[in-house]
Amino acid sequence: MGGERGMIGATQTAQRAAVAHTRTSGAPHPTEGIDMADDGKLSDFEKQALKDRAAELRKQAGRKGGSKKEKDLRDVLDTIEGLPEPDKAIAQMIHEAVTEVAPELDPKTWYGFPAYARDGKVIVFYQQASKFDARYGTLGFQDDASLDDGAMWPASFAIVEATDAVRKRVEELVKKAVG
């Protein structure tokens, strides 16, 4: 019984950390684009997203060294494989482009999204349309991406299909993002 309570506490701590991270880091909230209740309470969708992220964090926490990178890569490939079309083709194209032009980035899942990080910090990710029943997926960049362009610049890009032109643009953006 005590171990179960400890696990519940760990889950709640991970959920609180995920909420705090999204509120302080500029990371997209797991329910970005979803209408939420006005009462300030978490919706069922938000609660499930937090549970999923907490499980993701627990899964990644015990990984170390080369084995960690291999398992994180496997998680990304499994995530991509499980996506419906056109998200699957887009995510695969992004994965190939990122690993080709920025092999120094480490694949990992982040809020259930295929993501690519440097020193543990996500630089670029793909937010699949199917996760939020949106009309397009989003290629997103985090604060550590070097996309700065004056006083204002885009940090996410809508993608509706995997084409050669889209791949070329993804490659250009990723090259710029990694500096």
N, C-alpha and C. Protein backbone atom coordinates (compact mmCIF):
# COMPACT_ATOMS: atom_id res chain seq x y z
N MET A 1 0.82 -1.19 0.00
CA MET A 1 0.00 0.00 0.00
C MET A 1 0.86 1.26 0.00
N GLY A 2 1.95 1.25 0.79
CA GLY A 2 2.82 2.43 0.87
C GLY A 2 3.47 2.75 -0.46
N GLY A 3 3.88 1.70 -1.21
CA GLY A 3 4.50 1.91 -2.51
C GLY A 3 3.53 2.53 -3.49
N GLU A 4 2.27 2.12 -3.40
CA GLU A 4 1.25 2.67 -4.28
C GLU A 4 1.05 4.15 -3.99
N ARG A 5 1.00 4.51 -2.71
CA ARG A 5 0.86 5.93 -2.35
C ARG A 5 2.05 6.73 -2.87
N GLY A 6 3.25 6.15 -2.77
CA GLY A 6 4.44 6.83 -3.27
C GLY A 6 4.37 7.08 -4.76
N MET A 7 3.83 6.10 -5.50
CA MET A 7 3.70 6.24 -6.94
C MET A 7 2.67 7.31 -7.28
N ILE A 8 1.57 7.35 -6.52
CA ILE A 8 0.56 8.38 -6.75
C ILE A 8 1.18 9.75 -6.50
N GLY A 9 1.95 9.88 -5.42
CA GLY A 9 2.61 11.15 -5.13
C GLY A 9 3.59 11.53 -6.23
N ALA A 10 4.32 10.55 -6.76
CA ALA A 10 5.27 10.81 -7.84
C ALA A 10 4.53 11.27 -9.10
N THR A 11 3.39 10.64 -9.37
CA THR A 11 2.60 11.02 -10.53
C THR A 11 2.09 12.45 -10.37
N GLN A 12 1.58 12.78 -9.19
CA GLN A 12 1.09 14.13 -8.95
C GLN A 12 2.22 15.14 -9.05
N THR A 13 3.38 14.80 -8.55
CA THR A 13 4.54 15.69 -8.66
C THR A 13 4.90 15.91 -10.12
N ALA A 14 4.92 14.83 -10.90
CA ALA A 14 5.24 14.95 -12.33
C ALA A 14 4.19 15.78 -13.05
N GLN A 15 2.91 15.59 -12.68
CA GLN A 15 1.86 16.39 -13.30
C GLN A 15 2.03 17.86 -12.97
N ARG A 16 2.32 18.15 -11.71
CA ARG A 16 2.53 19.55 -11.32
C ARG A 16 3.73 20.14 -12.06
N ALA A 17 4.78 19.34 -12.20
CA ALA A 17 5.98 19.80 -12.91
C ALA A 17 5.66 20.09 -14.36
N ALA A 18 4.86 19.21 -14.99
CA ALA A 18 4.48 19.42 -16.39
C ALA A 18 3.67 20.69 -16.55
N VAL A 19 2.73 20.93 -15.63
CA VAL A 19 1.92 22.15 -15.68
C VAL A 19 2.82 23.37 -15.46
N ALA A 20 3.69 23.32 -14.47
CA ALA A 20 4.59 24.43 -14.19
C ALA A 20 5.50 24.70 -15.38
N HIS A 21 6.00 23.63 -16.01
CA HIS A 21 6.89 23.79 -17.16
C HIS A 21 6.17 24.51 -18.29
N THR A 22 4.94 24.11 -18.57
CA THR A 22 4.23 24.73 -19.68
C THR A 22 3.90 26.18 -19.38
N ARG A 23 3.70 26.50 -18.10
CA ARG A 23 3.35 27.88 -17.74
C ARG A 23 4.56 28.79 -17.69
N THR A 24 5.76 28.26 -17.45
CA THR A 24 6.94 29.11 -17.28
C THR A 24 7.92 29.05 -18.43
N SER A 25 7.85 28.03 -19.27
CA SER A 25 8.87 27.88 -20.30
C SER A 25 8.45 28.38 -21.66
N GLY A 26 7.19 28.72 -21.81
CA GLY A 26 6.71 29.09 -23.13
C GLY A 26 6.37 27.88 -23.96
N ALA A 27 6.48 26.69 -23.39
CA ALA A 27 6.14 25.46 -24.10
C ALA A 27 4.65 25.47 -24.40
N PRO A 28 4.26 24.86 -25.50
CA PRO A 28 2.83 24.82 -25.79
C PRO A 28 2.13 23.98 -24.74
N HIS A 29 1.01 24.47 -24.28
CA HIS A 29 0.24 23.70 -23.31
C HIS A 29 -0.34 22.50 -24.04
N PRO A 30 -0.43 21.34 -23.39
CA PRO A 30 -0.95 20.14 -24.07
C PRO A 30 -2.32 20.33 -24.68
N THR A 31 -3.09 21.32 -24.24
CA THR A 31 -4.42 21.53 -24.79
C THR A 31 -4.52 22.82 -25.59
N GLU A 32 -3.40 23.30 -26.10
CA GLU A 32 -3.39 24.53 -26.88
C GLU A 32 -4.40 24.39 -28.02
N GLY A 33 -5.27 25.37 -28.17
CA GLY A 33 -6.25 25.34 -29.24
C GLY A 33 -7.56 24.67 -28.85
N ILE A 34 -7.67 24.16 -27.63
CA ILE A 34 -8.88 23.49 -27.17
C ILE A 34 -9.64 24.45 -26.25
N ASP A 35 -10.96 24.57 -26.45
CA ASP A 35 -11.77 25.39 -25.56
C ASP A 35 -11.82 24.75 -24.19
N MET A 36 -11.54 25.53 -23.16
CA MET A 36 -11.51 25.02 -21.79
C MET A 36 -12.62 25.64 -20.96
N ALA A 37 -12.93 24.98 -19.87
CA ALA A 37 -13.96 25.47 -18.96
C ALA A 37 -13.54 26.81 -18.38
N ASP A 38 -14.52 27.67 -18.13
CA ASP A 38 -14.24 28.99 -17.56
C ASP A 38 -13.98 28.95 -16.06
N ASP A 39 -14.20 27.80 -15.42
CA ASP A 39 -14.07 27.73 -13.97
C ASP A 39 -12.62 27.58 -13.50
N GLY A 40 -11.66 27.53 -14.43
CA GLY A 40 -10.26 27.43 -14.06
C GLY A 40 -9.80 26.03 -13.72
N LYS A 41 -10.69 25.06 -13.76
CA LYS A 41 -10.33 23.67 -13.47
C LYS A 41 -9.86 22.98 -14.74
N LEU A 42 -9.07 21.94 -14.55
CA LEU A 42 -8.58 21.19 -15.70
C LEU A 42 -9.71 20.37 -16.32
N SER A 43 -9.78 20.40 -17.63
CA SER A 43 -10.77 19.58 -18.34
C SER A 43 -10.30 18.13 -18.33
N ASP A 44 -11.18 17.23 -18.71
CA ASP A 44 -10.80 15.82 -18.81
C ASP A 44 -9.66 15.65 -19.81
N PHE A 45 -9.69 16.42 -20.89
CA PHE A 45 -8.62 16.35 -21.90
C PHE A 45 -7.29 16.78 -21.29
N GLU A 46 -7.30 17.87 -20.52
CA GLU A 46 -6.08 18.34 -19.87
C GLU A 46 -5.56 17.33 -18.86
N LYS A 47 -6.47 16.77 -18.08
CA LYS A 47 -6.07 15.76 -17.09
C LYS A 47 -5.40 14.58 -17.77
N GLN A 48 -5.96 14.13 -18.89
CA GLN A 48 -5.38 13.00 -19.61
C GLN A 48 -4.02 13.38 -20.19
N ALA A 49 -3.90 14.59 -20.72
CA ALA A 49 -2.62 15.04 -21.27
C ALA A 49 -1.56 15.06 -20.18
N LEU A 50 -1.92 15.52 -18.99
CA LEU A 50 -0.95 15.55 -17.89
C LEU A 50 -0.56 14.14 -17.45
N LYS A 51 -1.53 13.24 -17.41
CA LYS A 51 -1.22 11.85 -17.07
C LYS A 51 -0.28 11.24 -18.11
N ASP A 52 -0.54 11.53 -19.38
CA ASP A 52 0.31 11.00 -20.45
C ASP A 52 1.72 11.57 -20.34
N ARG A 53 1.85 12.87 -20.07
CA ARG A 53 3.18 13.48 -19.95
C ARG A 53 3.91 12.93 -18.73
N ALA A 54 3.19 12.75 -17.62
CA ALA A 54 3.82 12.18 -16.41
C ALA A 54 4.34 10.78 -16.71
N ALA A 55 3.58 9.99 -17.44
CA ALA A 55 4.02 8.63 -17.80
C ALA A 55 5.25 8.71 -18.71
N GLU A 56 5.24 9.67 -19.63
CA GLU A 56 6.38 9.86 -20.52
C GLU A 56 7.63 10.23 -19.72
N LEU A 57 7.48 11.12 -18.75
CA LEU A 57 8.61 11.52 -17.91
C LEU A 57 9.14 10.36 -17.07
N ARG A 58 8.23 9.57 -16.51
CA ARG A 58 8.66 8.40 -15.72
C ARG A 58 9.42 7.42 -16.60
N LYS A 59 8.93 7.21 -17.81
CA LYS A 59 9.57 6.28 -18.74
C LYS A 59 10.98 6.75 -19.09
N GLN A 60 11.15 8.05 -19.30
CA GLN A 60 12.44 8.60 -19.70
C GLN A 60 13.40 8.76 -18.52
N ALA A 61 12.88 8.87 -17.31
CA ALA A 61 13.70 9.18 -16.13
C ALA A 61 14.78 8.15 -15.84
N GLY A 62 14.50 6.88 -16.05
CA GLY A 62 15.47 5.84 -15.71
C GLY A 62 16.49 5.57 -16.79
N ARG A 63 16.44 6.30 -17.88
CA ARG A 63 17.35 6.05 -18.99
C ARG A 63 18.64 6.82 -18.83
N LYS A 64 19.75 6.17 -19.21
CA LYS A 64 21.07 6.80 -19.10
C LYS A 64 21.91 6.47 -20.33
N GLY A 65 22.80 7.38 -20.70
CA GLY A 65 23.82 7.14 -21.72
C GLY A 65 23.29 6.77 -23.09
N GLY A 66 24.07 5.94 -23.80
CA GLY A 66 23.74 5.53 -25.16
C GLY A 66 22.43 4.77 -25.24
N SER A 67 22.15 3.98 -24.23
CA SER A 67 20.91 3.22 -24.20
C SER A 67 19.71 4.17 -24.14
N LYS A 68 19.86 5.28 -23.43
CA LYS A 68 18.79 6.28 -23.34
C LYS A 68 18.48 6.84 -24.72
N LYS A 69 19.52 7.21 -25.44
CA LYS A 69 19.33 7.78 -26.78
C LYS A 69 18.67 6.78 -27.71
N GLU A 70 19.08 5.53 -27.63
CA GLU A 70 18.46 4.49 -28.47
C GLU A 70 16.99 4.30 -28.13
N LYS A 71 16.67 4.29 -26.84
CA LYS A 71 15.28 4.11 -26.42
C LYS A 71 14.44 5.34 -26.76
N ASP A 72 15.01 6.53 -26.60
CA ASP A 72 14.29 7.75 -26.98
C ASP A 72 14.02 7.76 -28.48
N LEU A 73 15.00 7.36 -29.28
CA LEU A 73 14.80 7.26 -30.73
C LEU A 73 13.69 6.27 -31.04
N ARG A 74 13.70 5.12 -30.38
CA ARG A 74 12.67 4.10 -30.59
C ARG A 74 11.29 4.67 -30.24
N ASP A 75 11.20 5.45 -29.16
CA ASP A 75 9.93 6.08 -28.79
C ASP A 75 9.44 7.00 -29.91
N VAL A 76 10.34 7.79 -30.48
CA VAL A 76 9.97 8.70 -31.57
C VAL A 76 9.49 7.91 -32.78
N LEU A 77 10.25 6.89 -33.16
CA LEU A 77 9.87 6.09 -34.33
C LEU A 77 8.53 5.38 -34.11
N ASP A 78 8.31 4.88 -32.89
CA ASP A 78 7.03 4.24 -32.57
C ASP A 78 5.89 5.25 -32.61
N THR A 79 6.14 6.46 -32.11
CA THR A 79 5.13 7.52 -32.14
C THR A 79 4.76 7.84 -33.58
N ILE A 80 5.77 8.02 -34.42
CA ILE A 80 5.53 8.33 -35.83
C ILE A 80 4.77 7.19 -36.50
N GLU A 81 5.18 5.97 -36.24
CA GLU A 81 4.53 4.80 -36.84
C GLU A 81 3.05 4.72 -36.47
N GLY A 82 2.70 5.16 -35.26
CA GLY A 82 1.32 5.08 -34.80
C GLY A 82 0.42 6.21 -35.26
N LEU A 83 0.96 7.17 -35.98
CA LEU A 83 0.15 8.31 -36.43
C LEU A 83 -0.68 7.96 -37.66
N PRO A 84 -1.86 8.57 -37.77
CA PRO A 84 -2.65 8.41 -39.00
C PRO A 84 -2.07 9.32 -40.09
N GLU A 85 -2.40 9.04 -41.32
CA GLU A 85 -2.00 9.92 -42.43
C GLU A 85 -2.87 11.17 -42.38
N PRO A 86 -2.42 12.33 -42.79
CA PRO A 86 -1.10 12.63 -43.33
C PRO A 86 -0.05 12.91 -42.26
N ASP A 87 -0.44 12.91 -40.98
CA ASP A 87 0.53 13.18 -39.91
C ASP A 87 1.74 12.26 -39.97
N LYS A 88 1.50 11.00 -40.28
CA LYS A 88 2.60 10.03 -40.32
C LYS A 88 3.63 10.41 -41.37
N ALA A 89 3.19 10.74 -42.57
CA ALA A 89 4.11 11.12 -43.65
C ALA A 89 4.84 12.42 -43.31
N ILE A 90 4.13 13.36 -42.72
CA ILE A 90 4.75 14.64 -42.36
C ILE A 90 5.79 14.43 -41.27
N ALA A 91 5.43 13.68 -40.23
CA ALA A 91 6.36 13.43 -39.12
C ALA A 91 7.59 12.66 -39.60
N GLN A 92 7.40 11.70 -40.50
CA GLN A 92 8.52 10.94 -41.04
C GLN A 92 9.44 11.85 -41.85
N MET A 93 8.85 12.73 -42.65
CA MET A 93 9.63 13.67 -43.46
C MET A 93 10.43 14.61 -42.54
N ILE A 94 9.80 15.10 -41.49
CA ILE A 94 10.49 15.98 -40.54
C ILE A 94 11.62 15.22 -39.85
N HIS A 95 11.34 13.99 -39.42
CA HIS A 95 12.37 13.18 -38.76
C HIS A 95 13.59 13.00 -39.67
N GLU A 96 13.33 12.65 -40.92
CA GLU A 96 14.44 12.45 -41.87
C GLU A 96 15.21 13.75 -42.10
N ALA A 97 14.49 14.86 -42.25
CA ALA A 97 15.13 16.15 -42.49
C ALA A 97 15.98 16.57 -41.29
N VAL A 98 15.42 16.45 -40.09
CA VAL A 98 16.15 16.88 -38.89
C VAL A 98 17.39 16.01 -38.68
N THR A 99 17.24 14.70 -38.79
CA THR A 99 18.40 13.83 -38.54
C THR A 99 19.47 13.99 -39.61
N GLU A 100 19.08 14.42 -40.79
CA GLU A 100 20.06 14.64 -41.86
C GLU A 100 20.82 15.95 -41.68
N VAL A 101 20.10 17.06 -41.40
CA VAL A 101 20.77 18.36 -41.34
C VAL A 101 21.25 18.74 -39.95
N ALA A 102 20.76 18.06 -38.92
CA ALA A 102 21.17 18.37 -37.54
C ALA A 102 21.33 17.08 -36.74
N PRO A 103 22.29 16.24 -37.13
CA PRO A 103 22.47 14.96 -36.43
C PRO A 103 22.85 15.12 -34.96
N GLU A 104 23.26 16.33 -34.56
CA GLU A 104 23.61 16.56 -33.16
C GLU A 104 22.38 16.65 -32.26
N LEU A 105 21.19 16.80 -32.85
CA LEU A 105 19.96 16.84 -32.05
C LEU A 105 19.53 15.42 -31.71
N ASP A 106 19.06 15.24 -30.49
CA ASP A 106 18.63 13.93 -30.01
C ASP A 106 17.12 13.80 -30.12
N PRO A 107 16.64 12.77 -30.84
CA PRO A 107 15.20 12.54 -30.91
C PRO A 107 14.67 12.12 -29.53
N LYS A 108 13.47 12.59 -29.20
CA LYS A 108 12.78 12.19 -27.97
C LYS A 108 11.31 12.54 -28.13
N THR A 109 10.47 11.96 -27.31
CA THR A 109 9.07 12.39 -27.33
C THR A 109 8.91 13.49 -26.30
N TRP A 110 8.01 14.40 -26.58
CA TRP A 110 7.77 15.56 -25.72
C TRP A 110 6.28 15.87 -25.80
N TYR A 111 5.57 15.63 -24.71
CA TYR A 111 4.11 15.75 -24.69
C TYR A 111 3.47 14.88 -25.77
N GLY A 112 4.10 13.75 -26.08
CA GLY A 112 3.58 12.85 -27.10
C GLY A 112 3.93 13.26 -28.52
N PHE A 113 4.72 14.32 -28.66
CA PHE A 113 5.12 14.79 -29.98
C PHE A 113 6.53 14.30 -30.30
N PRO A 114 6.81 13.97 -31.57
CA PRO A 114 8.20 13.73 -31.95
C PRO A 114 8.96 15.06 -31.79
N ALA A 115 10.09 15.01 -31.08
CA ALA A 115 10.84 16.23 -30.80
C ALA A 115 12.33 15.95 -30.92
N TYR A 116 13.11 17.02 -31.02
CA TYR A 116 14.56 16.91 -31.21
C TYR A 116 15.21 17.94 -30.30
N ALA A 117 16.13 17.45 -29.46
CA ALA A 117 16.69 18.28 -28.39
C ALA A 117 18.20 18.36 -28.44
N ARG A 118 18.72 19.43 -27.85
CA ARG A 118 20.15 19.59 -27.64
C ARG A 118 20.36 19.78 -26.15
N ASP A 119 21.22 18.97 -25.57
CA ASP A 119 21.49 19.03 -24.12
C ASP A 119 20.19 18.93 -23.31
N GLY A 120 19.27 18.09 -23.78
CA GLY A 120 18.02 17.86 -23.07
C GLY A 120 16.94 18.90 -23.31
N LYS A 121 17.26 19.99 -24.00
CA LYS A 121 16.28 21.05 -24.26
C LYS A 121 15.75 20.92 -25.68
N VAL A 122 14.42 20.85 -25.79
CA VAL A 122 13.79 20.70 -27.10
C VAL A 122 14.06 21.94 -27.94
N ILE A 123 14.48 21.69 -29.17
CA ILE A 123 14.71 22.76 -30.14
C ILE A 123 13.54 22.82 -31.12
N VAL A 124 13.14 21.64 -31.63
CA VAL A 124 12.10 21.56 -32.65
C VAL A 124 11.21 20.35 -32.36
N PHE A 125 9.94 20.48 -32.70
CA PHE A 125 8.99 19.38 -32.49
C PHE A 125 7.90 19.43 -33.55
N TYR A 126 7.20 18.32 -33.71
CA TYR A 126 6.06 18.27 -34.61
C TYR A 126 4.81 17.98 -33.79
N GLN A 127 3.88 18.93 -33.81
CA GLN A 127 2.59 18.77 -33.12
C GLN A 127 1.59 18.28 -34.15
N GLN A 128 1.29 17.00 -34.10
CA GLN A 128 0.42 16.38 -35.09
C GLN A 128 -1.01 16.90 -35.02
N ALA A 129 -1.60 17.10 -36.20
CA ALA A 129 -2.98 17.61 -36.30
C ALA A 129 -3.96 16.67 -35.64
N SER A 130 -3.74 15.38 -35.77
CA SER A 130 -4.70 14.39 -35.26
C SER A 130 -4.83 14.43 -33.74
N LYS A 131 -3.82 14.89 -33.04
CA LYS A 131 -3.88 14.93 -31.58
C LYS A 131 -4.94 15.91 -31.09
N PHE A 132 -5.17 16.98 -31.84
CA PHE A 132 -6.11 18.01 -31.43
C PHE A 132 -7.25 18.18 -32.44
N ASP A 133 -7.37 17.23 -33.36
CA ASP A 133 -8.40 17.29 -34.39
C ASP A 133 -8.34 18.62 -35.13
N ALA A 134 -7.11 19.04 -35.45
CA ALA A 134 -6.87 20.31 -36.15
C ALA A 134 -6.77 20.05 -37.66
N ARG A 135 -6.84 21.11 -38.42
CA ARG A 135 -6.76 20.93 -39.87
C ARG A 135 -5.32 20.90 -40.39
N TYR A 136 -4.35 21.20 -39.54
CA TYR A 136 -2.94 21.12 -39.94
C TYR A 136 -2.07 20.78 -38.74
N GLY A 137 -0.95 20.13 -39.02
CA GLY A 137 0.05 19.88 -38.00
C GLY A 137 0.97 21.09 -37.92
N THR A 138 1.76 21.15 -36.86
CA THR A 138 2.61 22.32 -36.65
C THR A 138 4.05 21.91 -36.39
N LEU A 139 4.97 22.49 -37.14
CA LEU A 139 6.39 22.39 -36.86
C LEU A 139 6.69 23.54 -35.91
N GLY A 140 7.09 23.20 -34.68
CA GLY A 140 7.31 24.24 -33.68
C GLY A 140 8.74 24.30 -33.21
N PHE A 141 9.16 25.48 -32.80
CA PHE A 141 10.51 25.72 -32.30
C PHE A 141 10.42 26.32 -30.91
N GLN A 142 11.32 25.91 -30.04
CA GLN A 142 11.37 26.39 -28.66
C GLN A 142 12.38 27.54 -28.53
N ASP A 143 12.46 28.09 -27.33
CA ASP A 143 13.30 29.27 -27.06
C ASP A 143 14.76 29.10 -27.47
N ASP A 144 15.31 27.91 -27.33
CA ASP A 144 16.72 27.70 -27.65
C ASP A 144 17.00 27.61 -29.14
N ALA A 145 15.97 27.65 -29.95
CA ALA A 145 16.16 27.67 -31.41
C ALA A 145 16.61 29.07 -31.82
N SER A 146 17.56 29.14 -32.71
CA SER A 146 18.13 30.43 -33.14
C SER A 146 17.42 30.95 -34.39
N LEU A 147 16.14 31.23 -34.27
CA LEU A 147 15.37 31.73 -35.41
C LEU A 147 15.19 33.25 -35.36
N ASP A 148 15.79 33.89 -34.38
CA ASP A 148 15.61 35.33 -34.18
C ASP A 148 15.81 36.09 -35.49
N ASP A 149 14.88 37.05 -35.71
CA ASP A 149 14.92 37.87 -36.92
C ASP A 149 14.32 39.22 -36.58
N GLY A 150 15.12 40.09 -35.97
CA GLY A 150 14.63 41.40 -35.59
C GLY A 150 13.79 41.34 -34.32
N ALA A 151 12.76 42.16 -34.28
CA ALA A 151 11.92 42.26 -33.09
C ALA A 151 10.80 41.22 -33.06
N MET A 152 10.59 40.51 -34.17
CA MET A 152 9.50 39.53 -34.23
C MET A 152 9.82 38.48 -35.28
N TRP A 153 9.50 37.21 -34.97
CA TRP A 153 9.73 36.13 -35.93
C TRP A 153 8.78 34.98 -35.60
N PRO A 154 8.48 34.15 -36.60
CA PRO A 154 7.61 33.00 -36.35
C PRO A 154 8.35 31.91 -35.59
N ALA A 155 7.63 31.21 -34.74
CA ALA A 155 8.19 30.09 -33.99
C ALA A 155 7.45 28.79 -34.27
N SER A 156 6.42 28.85 -35.12
CA SER A 156 5.74 27.62 -35.54
C SER A 156 5.21 27.80 -36.95
N PHE A 157 5.08 26.66 -37.63
CA PHE A 157 4.71 26.67 -39.04
C PHE A 157 3.69 25.56 -39.30
N ALA A 158 2.58 25.91 -39.94
CA ALA A 158 1.56 24.92 -40.29
C ALA A 158 2.05 24.07 -41.45
N ILE A 159 1.80 22.77 -41.37
CA ILE A 159 2.15 21.85 -42.46
C ILE A 159 0.95 20.96 -42.73
N VAL A 160 0.51 20.92 -43.99
CA VAL A 160 -0.64 20.09 -44.35
C VAL A 160 -0.27 18.86 -45.16
N GLU A 161 0.94 18.87 -45.75
CA GLU A 161 1.37 17.68 -46.48
C GLU A 161 2.90 17.66 -46.61
N ALA A 162 3.41 16.46 -46.81
CA ALA A 162 4.86 16.27 -46.98
C ALA A 162 5.18 16.37 -48.47
N THR A 163 5.87 17.45 -48.84
CA THR A 163 6.29 17.64 -50.23
C THR A 163 7.79 17.95 -50.23
N ASP A 164 8.39 17.91 -51.41
CA ASP A 164 9.81 18.25 -51.51
C ASP A 164 10.06 19.70 -51.08
N ALA A 165 9.16 20.59 -51.47
CA ALA A 165 9.31 22.01 -51.11
C ALA A 165 9.20 22.20 -49.59
N VAL A 166 8.27 21.48 -48.97
CA VAL A 166 8.12 21.58 -47.52
C VAL A 166 9.36 21.03 -46.84
N ARG A 167 9.86 19.90 -47.32
CA ARG A 167 11.07 19.32 -46.72
C ARG A 167 12.23 20.30 -46.81
N LYS A 168 12.39 20.93 -47.96
CA LYS A 168 13.48 21.89 -48.13
C LYS A 168 13.36 23.03 -47.13
N ARG A 169 12.14 23.53 -46.92
CA ARG A 169 11.92 24.62 -45.97
C ARG A 169 12.19 24.16 -44.54
N VAL A 170 11.77 22.93 -44.21
CA VAL A 170 12.04 22.37 -42.88
C VAL A 170 13.55 22.30 -42.66
N GLU A 171 14.28 21.80 -43.65
CA GLU A 171 15.74 21.71 -43.54
C GLU A 171 16.35 23.08 -43.29
N GLU A 172 15.90 24.10 -44.04
CA GLU A 172 16.43 25.46 -43.87
C GLU A 172 16.16 25.98 -42.45
N LEU A 173 14.94 25.77 -41.97
CA LEU A 173 14.58 26.24 -40.63
C LEU A 173 15.38 25.53 -39.54
N VAL A 174 15.53 24.23 -39.69
CA VAL A 174 16.28 23.47 -38.68
C VAL A 174 17.75 23.88 -38.67
N LYS A 175 18.34 24.07 -39.85
CA LYS A 175 19.73 24.52 -39.92
C LYS A 175 19.89 25.86 -39.19
N LYS A 176 18.95 26.77 -39.44
CA LYS A 176 19.01 28.07 -38.78
C LYS A 176 18.79 27.93 -37.28
N ALA A 177 17.85 27.06 -36.89
CA ALA A 177 17.51 26.89 -35.48
C ALA A 177 18.68 26.37 -34.65
N VAL A 178 19.50 25.49 -35.24
CA VAL A 178 20.63 24.93 -34.48
C VAL A 178 21.85 25.83 -34.54
N GLY A 179 21.77 26.88 -35.37
CA GLY A 179 22.85 27.87 -35.41
C GLY A 179 24.05 27.36 -36.06
